[in-house]
Amino acid sequence: GAEGDSGGVFREELKARALKICQRLCISSQILNLIETEAHLEVWSEVLSSSQAFLLNLARAFIADPEVLCVNLPNVTLEPSVGEEVYSMLREFVMDRGVLPSC
């Protein structure tokens, strides 16, 4: 029925939002393919670098859209352009909640 259709639309919108976030964080299509294949979940720590794992966890946080997000040293191990994008996304996150960023 209509309820099933709205759930499918919501999932597609969420998937599109998640993909956009991952793309902004420069998460490779190879990593996104791993996410789609749940069989690889237990070996992610063996497959991902610390930077990739950080970006994936940050993407998960942005996708969940929490009210509060705590991030320690968000760009220490990242390439400068990726670090700048992370800071840009964090500023947007803060401003979307009506708070002026201090960075």
C-alpha atoms as a PDB file:
ATOM      1  CA  GLY A   1       0.000   0.000   0.000  1.00  0.00           C
ATOM      2  CA  ALA A   2       0.888   3.640   0.272  1.00  0.00           C
ATOM      3  CA  GLU A   3       2.754   3.099   3.549  1.00  0.00           C
ATOM      4  CA  GLY A   4       5.149   0.663   1.897  1.00  0.00           C
ATOM      5  CA  ASP A   5       5.779   3.125  -0.924  1.00  0.00           C
ATOM      6  CA  SER A   6       6.578   5.976   1.476  1.00  0.00           C
ATOM      7  CA  GLY A   7       9.056   3.739   3.316  1.00  0.00           C
ATOM      8  CA  GLY A   8      10.785   2.951   0.031  1.00  0.00           C
ATOM      9  CA  VAL A   9      10.933   6.635  -0.875  1.00  0.00           C
ATOM     10  CA  PHE A  10      12.356   7.458   2.555  1.00  0.00           C
ATOM     11  CA  ARG A  11      15.047   4.765   2.163  1.00  0.00           C
ATOM     12  CA  GLU A  12      15.990   6.098  -1.272  1.00  0.00           C
ATOM     13  CA  GLU A  13      16.180   9.675   0.060  1.00  0.00           C
ATOM     14  CA  LEU A  14      18.306   8.511   2.988  1.00  0.00           C
ATOM     15  CA  LYS A  15      20.571   6.531   0.666  1.00  0.00           C
ATOM     16  CA  ALA A  16      20.969   9.576  -1.621  1.00  0.00           C
ATOM     17  CA  ARG A  17      21.776  11.779   1.401  1.00  0.00           C
ATOM     18  CA  ALA A  18      24.286   9.228   2.672  1.00  0.00           C
ATOM     19  CA  LEU A  19      25.945   9.016  -0.743  1.00  0.00           C
ATOM     20  CA  LYS A  20      26.199  12.825  -0.966  1.00  0.00           C
ATOM     21  CA  ILE A  21      27.825  12.977   2.481  1.00  0.00           C
ATOM     22  CA  CYS A  22      30.278  10.210   1.568  1.00  0.00           C
ATOM     23  CA  GLN A  23      31.168  11.954  -1.676  1.00  0.00           C
ATOM     24  CA  ARG A  24      31.810  15.251   0.123  1.00  0.00           C
ATOM     25  CA  LEU A  25      34.115  13.408   2.525  1.00  0.00           C
ATOM     26  CA  CYS A  26      35.975  11.809  -0.434  1.00  0.00           C
ATOM     27  CA  ILE A  27      35.077   8.286   0.653  1.00  0.00           C
ATOM     28  CA  SER A  28      36.017   6.083  -2.295  1.00  0.00           C
ATOM     29  CA  SER A  29      33.562   3.949  -4.232  1.00  0.00           C
ATOM     30  CA  GLN A  30      35.609   0.915  -3.134  1.00  0.00           C
ATOM     31  CA  ILE A  31      34.779   1.681   0.505  1.00  0.00           C
ATOM     32  CA  LEU A  32      31.141   2.344  -0.372  1.00  0.00           C
ATOM     33  CA  ASN A  33      31.013  -1.074  -2.045  1.00  0.00           C
ATOM     34  CA  LEU A  34      32.339  -2.621   1.180  1.00  0.00           C
ATOM     35  CA  ILE A  35      29.520  -0.930   3.087  1.00  0.00           C
ATOM     36  CA  GLU A  36      26.955  -2.486   0.737  1.00  0.00           C
ATOM     37  CA  THR A  37      28.411  -5.956   1.405  1.00  0.00           C
ATOM     38  CA  GLU A  38      27.713  -6.797   5.030  1.00  0.00           C
ATOM     39  CA  ALA A  39      29.993  -9.839   4.838  1.00  0.00           C
ATOM     40  CA  HIS A  40      32.965  -7.473   5.095  1.00  0.00           C
ATOM     41  CA  LEU A  41      31.816  -5.718   8.278  1.00  0.00           C
ATOM     42  CA  GLU A  42      34.071  -7.693  10.624  1.00  0.00           C
ATOM     43  CA  VAL A  43      37.210  -6.972   8.580  1.00  0.00           C
ATOM     44  CA  TRP A  44      36.811  -3.230   8.013  1.00  0.00           C
ATOM     45  CA  SER A  45      39.550  -2.478  10.525  1.00  0.00           C
ATOM     46  CA  GLU A  46      41.900  -4.623   8.449  1.00  0.00           C
ATOM     47  CA  VAL A  47      40.881  -2.994   5.160  1.00  0.00           C
ATOM     48  CA  LEU A  48      40.584   0.701   6.045  1.00  0.00           C
ATOM     49  CA  SER A  49      43.367   3.097   6.939  1.00  0.00           C
ATOM     50  CA  SER A  50      42.880   5.187  10.081  1.00  0.00           C
ATOM     51  CA  SER A  51      41.935   8.180   7.889  1.00  0.00           C
ATOM     52  CA  GLN A  52      39.379   6.141   5.942  1.00  0.00           C
ATOM     53  CA  ALA A  53      37.908   4.749   9.159  1.00  0.00           C
ATOM     54  CA  PHE A  54      37.669   8.261  10.619  1.00  0.00           C
ATOM     55  CA  LEU A  55      35.912   9.569   7.499  1.00  0.00           C
ATOM     56  CA  LEU A  56      33.522   6.622   7.465  1.00  0.00           C
ATOM     57  CA  ASN A  57      32.643   7.141  11.125  1.00  0.00           C
ATOM     58  CA  LEU A  58      32.207  10.881  10.529  1.00  0.00           C
ATOM     59  CA  ALA A  59      29.923  10.138   7.573  1.00  0.00           C
ATOM     60  CA  ARG A  60      27.876   7.811   9.776  1.00  0.00           C
ATOM     61  CA  ALA A  61      27.528  10.608  12.338  1.00  0.00           C
ATOM     62  CA  PHE A  62      26.425  13.152   9.717  1.00  0.00           C
ATOM     63  CA  ILE A  63      23.946  10.643   8.270  1.00  0.00           C
ATOM     64  CA  ALA A  64      22.448  10.051  11.747  1.00  0.00           C
ATOM     65  CA  ASP A  65      22.087  13.851  12.100  1.00  0.00           C
ATOM     66  CA  PRO A  66      22.476  14.053  15.898  1.00  0.00           C
ATOM     67  CA  GLU A  67      21.834  17.220  17.884  1.00  0.00           C
ATOM     68  CA  VAL A  68      25.381  17.143  19.291  1.00  0.00           C
ATOM     69  CA  LEU A  69      28.532  15.890  17.590  1.00  0.00           C
ATOM     70  CA  CYS A  70      31.897  15.623  19.367  1.00  0.00           C
ATOM     71  CA  VAL A  71      34.943  15.349  17.130  1.00  0.00           C
ATOM     72  CA  ASN A  72      38.534  15.208  18.357  1.00  0.00           C
ATOM     73  CA  LEU A  73      41.194  16.531  15.959  1.00  0.00           C
ATOM     74  CA  PRO A  74      39.036  16.224  12.848  1.00  0.00           C
ATOM     75  CA  ASN A  75      41.759  16.726  10.255  1.00  0.00           C
ATOM     76  CA  VAL A  76      45.038  15.528  11.786  1.00  0.00           C
ATOM     77  CA  THR A  77      45.623  12.611   9.401  1.00  0.00           C
ATOM     78  CA  LEU A  78      43.709  13.932   6.393  1.00  0.00           C
ATOM     79  CA  GLU A  79      44.889  15.460   3.153  1.00  0.00           C
ATOM     80  CA  PRO A  80      44.499  19.271   3.333  1.00  0.00           C
ATOM     81  CA  SER A  81      41.618  19.429   0.837  1.00  0.00           C
ATOM     82  CA  VAL A  82      39.703  16.692   2.682  1.00  0.00           C
ATOM     83  CA  GLY A  83      40.399  18.387   6.032  1.00  0.00           C
ATOM     84  CA  GLU A  84      39.005  21.654   4.653  1.00  0.00           C
ATOM     85  CA  GLU A  85      35.843  19.848   3.517  1.00  0.00           C
ATOM     86  CA  VAL A  86      35.488  18.237   6.956  1.00  0.00           C
ATOM     87  CA  TYR A  87      35.700  21.673   8.600  1.00  0.00           C
ATOM     88  CA  SER A  88      33.207  23.065   6.079  1.00  0.00           C
ATOM     89  CA  MET A  89      30.752  20.265   6.866  1.00  0.00           C
ATOM     90  CA  LEU A  90      31.247  20.744  10.617  1.00  0.00           C
ATOM     91  CA  ARG A  91      30.546  24.493  10.241  1.00  0.00           C
ATOM     92  CA  GLU A  92      27.359  23.685   8.289  1.00  0.00           C
ATOM     93  CA  PHE A  93      26.369  21.169  10.983  1.00  0.00           C
ATOM     94  CA  VAL A  94      26.761  23.818  13.700  1.00  0.00           C
ATOM     95  CA  MET A  95      25.068  26.603  11.727  1.00  0.00           C
ATOM     96  CA  ASP A  96      22.108  24.325  10.872  1.00  0.00           C
ATOM     97  CA  ARG A  97      21.501  24.144  14.607  1.00  0.00           C
ATOM     98  CA  GLY A  98      21.464  27.937  15.024  1.00  0.00           C
ATOM     99  CA  VAL A  99      24.886  28.235  16.633  1.00  0.00           C
ATOM    100  CA  LEU A 100      27.693  30.391  15.300  1.00  0.00           C
ATOM    101  CA  PRO A 101      30.896  28.374  14.769  1.00  0.00           C
ATOM    102  CA  SER A 102      34.052  29.517  16.493  1.00  0.00           C
ATOM    103  CA  CYS A 103      36.379  28.076  13.822  1.00  0.00           C
END
